[in-house]
Protein backbone atom coordinates (compact mmCIF):
# COMPACT_ATOMS: atom_id res chain seq x y z
CA MET A 1 21.44 -17.71 5.36
CA ALA A 2 19.96 -14.89 3.32
CA SER A 3 20.49 -11.44 4.71
CA ILE A 4 17.70 -8.88 5.05
CA LYS A 5 18.28 -5.80 2.94
CA LYS A 6 16.79 -2.42 3.81
CA LEU A 7 14.43 -1.22 1.10
CA ASP A 8 15.12 2.04 -0.69
CA GLN A 9 12.98 4.98 0.42
CA ILE A 10 11.52 5.15 -3.12
CA VAL A 11 10.33 1.54 -2.86
CA ILE A 12 8.88 2.17 0.60
CA ASN A 13 7.01 5.23 -0.70
CA LYS A 14 5.60 3.26 -3.66
CA ILE A 15 4.38 0.48 -1.38
CA ALA A 16 2.83 3.02 1.02
CA ALA A 17 1.14 4.87 -1.87
CA GLY A 18 -0.29 1.60 -3.17
CA GLU A 19 -1.66 0.74 0.27
CA ILE A 20 -3.38 4.13 0.57
CA ILE A 21 -4.96 3.77 -2.90
CA ASN A 22 -6.23 0.28 -2.02
CA ARG A 23 -7.74 1.50 1.24
CA ALA A 24 -9.40 4.46 -0.47
CA SER A 25 -10.92 2.31 -3.21
CA ASN A 26 -12.14 -0.22 -0.63
CA ALA A 27 -13.76 2.59 1.37
CA VAL A 28 -15.53 3.87 -1.75
CA LYS A 29 -16.68 0.33 -2.57
CA GLU A 30 -18.08 -0.09 0.94
CA ILE A 31 -19.99 3.19 0.72
CA ILE A 32 -21.48 2.25 -2.67
CA GLU A 33 -22.51 -1.23 -1.47
CA ASN A 34 -24.12 0.14 1.70
């Protein structure tokens, strides 16, 4: 069985930053469309 490895903090931060950017751009898109 494959073991689950803990992600590096750097990787976690990059994923989190990407999520925030996506949410922000989606919010802007919603405002423009409405």
